[in-house]
Amino acid sequence: MNNENKTDEQIVRQVLLGGIESFKIIVERYQKKIYGIGMRFFKNMDDSRDFTQEVFIRAYENLKSYAGRAPFRYWLSRIAYNHGINRLGSGRAESEVPEEQAADTLTPERSHLKEEVREMLMEAVARLPERYRICVDMYFFMGLTYGEISEITGYPVNTIKSNVLRAKMMLRDELKGTIAEDYHEL
């Protein structure tokens, strides 16, 4: 079986047994996901790239602590989440607007409206209490399930569901009366 077909756990065992070059497969599998987490924390490409490298270095250095009780991707995501929180707390992140990654095929007017609504939504999400913002970010923007969020944050699943519901109500109230209230094509 070649390395690309091996499970994450098999590759981790291989790395721990001295096959350090196999860690490259882990990086290739998860670099987009970790970069995406970095973009949610830092909102710019440079900090997100640095963050991604730092997360993989931390993961490699702490690989012996992976106990295999949960899937490796949860363990790695938890490292990324904790590193992002710590890095934000240390003031190392810059708050730039993310660079656009693809040209929009919408008309210029609709494209402008969509961007304006997106900015309003992101600003409203940023103002949420941290426990709600974290759950909303992971659920809606990172596409994680409640179970995955629980594995990463340590919050119980029902708490996460409650936080997401409360955050949605807060966002709905905050965006009431704005152009974002009825815009659902984000």
Protein backbone atom coordinates (compact mmCIF):
# COMPACT_ATOMS: atom_id res chain seq x y z
CA MET A 1 0.00 0.00 0.00
CA ASN A 2 1.48 3.35 -0.98
CA ASN A 3 1.47 6.22 1.50
CA GLU A 4 -1.34 8.15 -0.22
CA ASN A 5 -3.75 5.28 0.51
CA LYS A 6 -2.80 4.94 4.16
CA THR A 7 -4.93 6.38 6.93
CA ASP A 8 -3.71 9.37 8.87
CA GLU A 9 -3.14 7.13 11.87
CA GLN A 10 -0.98 4.73 9.83
CA ILE A 11 1.11 7.63 8.56
CA VAL A 12 1.52 8.99 12.10
CA ARG A 13 2.80 5.58 13.25
CA GLN A 14 5.18 5.52 10.27
CA VAL A 15 6.52 8.99 11.14
CA LEU A 16 6.95 8.04 14.80
CA LEU A 17 8.92 4.98 13.73
CA GLY A 18 11.41 7.19 11.88
CA GLY A 19 9.77 7.74 8.50
CA ILE A 20 9.70 11.49 8.94
CA GLU A 21 9.38 12.12 5.20
CA SER A 22 5.85 10.68 5.41
CA PHE A 23 4.73 13.72 7.40
CA LYS A 24 4.69 15.50 4.03
CA ILE A 25 1.52 13.52 3.22
CA ILE A 26 -0.19 14.87 6.34
CA VAL A 27 0.77 18.40 5.31
CA GLU A 28 -0.56 17.86 1.78
CA ARG A 29 -3.85 16.44 3.09
CA TYR A 30 -4.58 19.22 5.55
CA GLN A 31 -2.76 22.38 4.46
CA LYS A 32 -5.88 23.90 2.83
CA LYS A 33 -7.99 23.19 5.90
CA ILE A 34 -5.41 24.67 8.28
CA TYR A 35 -4.91 27.66 5.99
CA GLY A 36 -8.69 28.18 6.03
CA ILE A 37 -8.67 28.19 9.82
CA GLY A 38 -5.85 30.72 9.68
CA MET A 39 -7.86 32.98 7.36
CA ARG A 40 -10.77 32.92 9.82
CA PHE A 41 -8.46 34.01 12.62
CA PHE A 42 -6.20 36.49 10.84
CA LYS A 43 -8.08 37.67 7.78
CA ASN A 44 -5.00 37.95 5.58
CA MET A 45 -2.96 35.61 3.44
CA ASP A 46 0.51 36.28 4.88
CA ASP A 47 -0.46 35.65 8.51
CA SER A 48 -2.50 32.63 7.44
CA ARG A 49 0.46 31.10 5.59
CA ASP A 50 2.70 31.68 8.61
CA PHE A 51 0.01 30.24 10.87
CA THR A 52 -0.27 27.13 8.66
CA GLN A 53 3.48 26.48 8.85
CA GLU A 54 3.50 27.03 12.60
CA VAL A 55 0.61 24.60 13.12
CA PHE A 56 2.35 21.84 11.17
CA ILE A 57 5.59 22.43 13.07
CA ARG A 58 3.70 22.19 16.36
CA ALA A 59 1.90 19.07 15.20
CA TYR A 60 5.14 17.42 14.17
CA GLU A 61 6.86 18.36 17.44
CA ASN A 62 3.91 17.01 19.46
CA LEU A 63 3.12 13.96 17.35
CA LYS A 64 4.05 11.61 20.20
CA SER A 65 1.18 13.07 22.24
CA TYR A 66 -1.41 11.96 19.66
CA ALA A 67 -3.15 9.11 21.46
CA GLY A 68 -5.46 8.02 18.65
CA ARG A 69 -8.64 8.31 20.73
CA ALA A 70 -10.14 10.64 18.11
CA PRO A 71 -9.39 10.94 14.39
CA PHE A 72 -6.11 12.65 13.63
CA ARG A 73 -7.83 15.51 11.76
CA TYR A 74 -9.60 16.51 15.01
CA TRP A 75 -6.32 16.48 16.91
CA LEU A 76 -4.69 18.62 14.22
CA SER A 77 -7.66 21.02 14.10
CA ARG A 78 -7.51 21.41 17.86
CA ILE A 79 -3.83 22.35 17.63
CA ALA A 80 -4.73 24.91 14.95
CA TYR A 81 -7.62 26.31 16.99
CA ASN A 82 -5.52 26.59 20.18
CA HIS A 83 -2.61 28.13 18.28
CA GLY A 84 -4.91 30.66 16.64
CA ILE A 85 -6.41 31.67 19.99
CA ASN A 86 -2.96 31.95 21.56
CA ARG A 87 -1.53 33.90 18.65
CA LEU A 88 -4.44 36.34 18.65
CA GLY A 89 -3.99 36.81 22.38
CA SER A 90 -0.33 37.60 21.92
CA GLY A 91 -1.12 40.36 19.43
CA ARG A 92 0.91 38.78 16.63
CA ALA A 93 -1.93 38.84 14.12
CA GLU A 94 -2.57 41.78 11.87
CA SER A 95 -6.10 42.79 11.01
CA GLU A 96 -6.05 43.30 7.27
CA VAL A 97 -8.95 42.58 4.98
CA PRO A 98 -8.42 39.26 3.17
CA GLU A 99 -7.35 39.48 -0.44
CA GLU A 100 -9.97 38.38 -2.91
CA GLN A 101 -9.16 35.03 -4.39
CA ALA A 102 -11.37 34.86 -7.46
CA ALA A 103 -13.19 37.26 -9.72
CA ASP A 104 -16.93 37.30 -9.20
CA THR A 105 -19.05 36.38 -12.24
CA LEU A 106 -21.99 38.47 -10.98
CA THR A 107 -22.92 41.82 -12.43
CA PRO A 108 -20.92 44.67 -10.89
CA GLU A 109 -23.98 45.86 -8.94
CA ARG A 110 -24.81 42.44 -7.50
CA SER A 111 -21.15 41.79 -6.82
CA HIS A 112 -20.91 45.06 -4.89
CA LEU A 113 -24.11 44.30 -2.97
CA LYS A 114 -22.90 40.81 -2.12
CA GLU A 115 -19.54 42.16 -0.88
CA GLU A 116 -21.27 44.83 1.21
CA VAL A 117 -23.58 42.26 2.81
CA ARG A 118 -20.65 39.90 3.43
CA GLU A 119 -18.72 42.69 5.17
CA MET A 120 -21.74 43.55 7.32
CA LEU A 121 -22.15 39.90 8.28
CA MET A 122 -18.47 39.42 9.07
CA GLU A 123 -18.44 42.56 11.22
CA ALA A 124 -21.54 41.36 13.07
CA VAL A 125 -19.99 37.92 13.61
CA ALA A 126 -16.80 39.56 14.91
CA ARG A 127 -18.86 41.40 17.54
CA LEU A 128 -20.43 38.20 18.88
CA PRO A 129 -19.26 36.98 22.29
CA GLU A 130 -16.24 34.72 21.76
CA ARG A 131 -17.99 31.45 22.65
CA TYR A 132 -20.68 32.14 20.04
CA ARG A 133 -18.27 33.46 17.40
CA ILE A 134 -16.06 30.38 17.66
CA CYS A 135 -19.01 28.03 17.14
CA VAL A 136 -20.43 30.10 14.25
CA ASP A 137 -17.03 30.32 12.55
CA MET A 138 -16.43 26.60 12.76
CA TYR A 139 -19.97 25.55 11.85
CA PHE A 140 -20.80 27.95 9.02
CA PHE A 141 -17.47 29.14 7.67
CA MET A 142 -15.28 26.08 8.20
CA GLY A 143 -18.08 23.59 7.54
CA LEU A 144 -17.42 21.48 10.63
CA THR A 145 -20.09 19.33 12.26
CA TYR A 146 -21.17 19.84 15.86
CA GLY A 147 -19.20 16.71 16.79
CA GLU A 148 -16.06 18.00 15.12
CA ILE A 149 -16.43 21.36 16.86
CA SER A 150 -16.82 19.54 20.16
CA GLU A 151 -13.63 17.56 19.55
CA ILE A 152 -11.71 20.75 18.75
CA THR A 153 -13.06 23.09 21.42
CA GLY A 154 -13.99 20.68 24.19
CA TYR A 155 -17.50 22.21 24.38
CA PRO A 156 -20.36 19.67 24.70
CA VAL A 157 -22.38 19.20 21.48
CA ASN A 158 -25.56 20.61 23.05
CA THR A 159 -23.68 23.73 24.15
CA ILE A 160 -22.42 24.19 20.60
CA LYS A 161 -25.95 23.82 19.19
CA SER A 162 -27.21 26.34 21.73
CA ASN A 163 -24.36 28.77 20.96
CA VAL A 164 -25.03 28.56 17.21
CA LEU A 165 -28.77 29.13 17.72
CA ARG A 166 -28.21 32.09 20.05
CA ALA A 167 -25.62 33.55 17.68
CA LYS A 168 -28.07 33.28 14.74
CA MET A 169 -30.73 35.11 16.77
CA MET A 170 -28.23 37.82 17.75
CA LEU A 171 -27.09 38.22 14.14
CA ARG A 172 -30.69 38.36 12.91
CA ASP A 173 -31.46 41.10 15.46
CA GLU A 174 -28.31 43.05 14.66
CA LEU A 175 -28.84 42.91 10.89
CA LYS A 176 -32.56 43.73 11.07
CA GLY A 177 -33.39 46.76 8.97
CA THR A 178 -30.18 46.54 6.91
CA ILE A 179 -29.65 45.31 3.37
CA ALA A 180 -28.30 42.08 4.86
CA GLU A 181 -31.62 41.17 6.48
CA ASP A 182 -33.14 39.53 3.41
CA TYR A 183 -30.01 38.63 1.46
CA HIS A 184 -29.53 34.86 1.53
CA GLU A 185 -27.11 34.23 -1.34
CA LEU A 186 -23.87 34.53 0.62
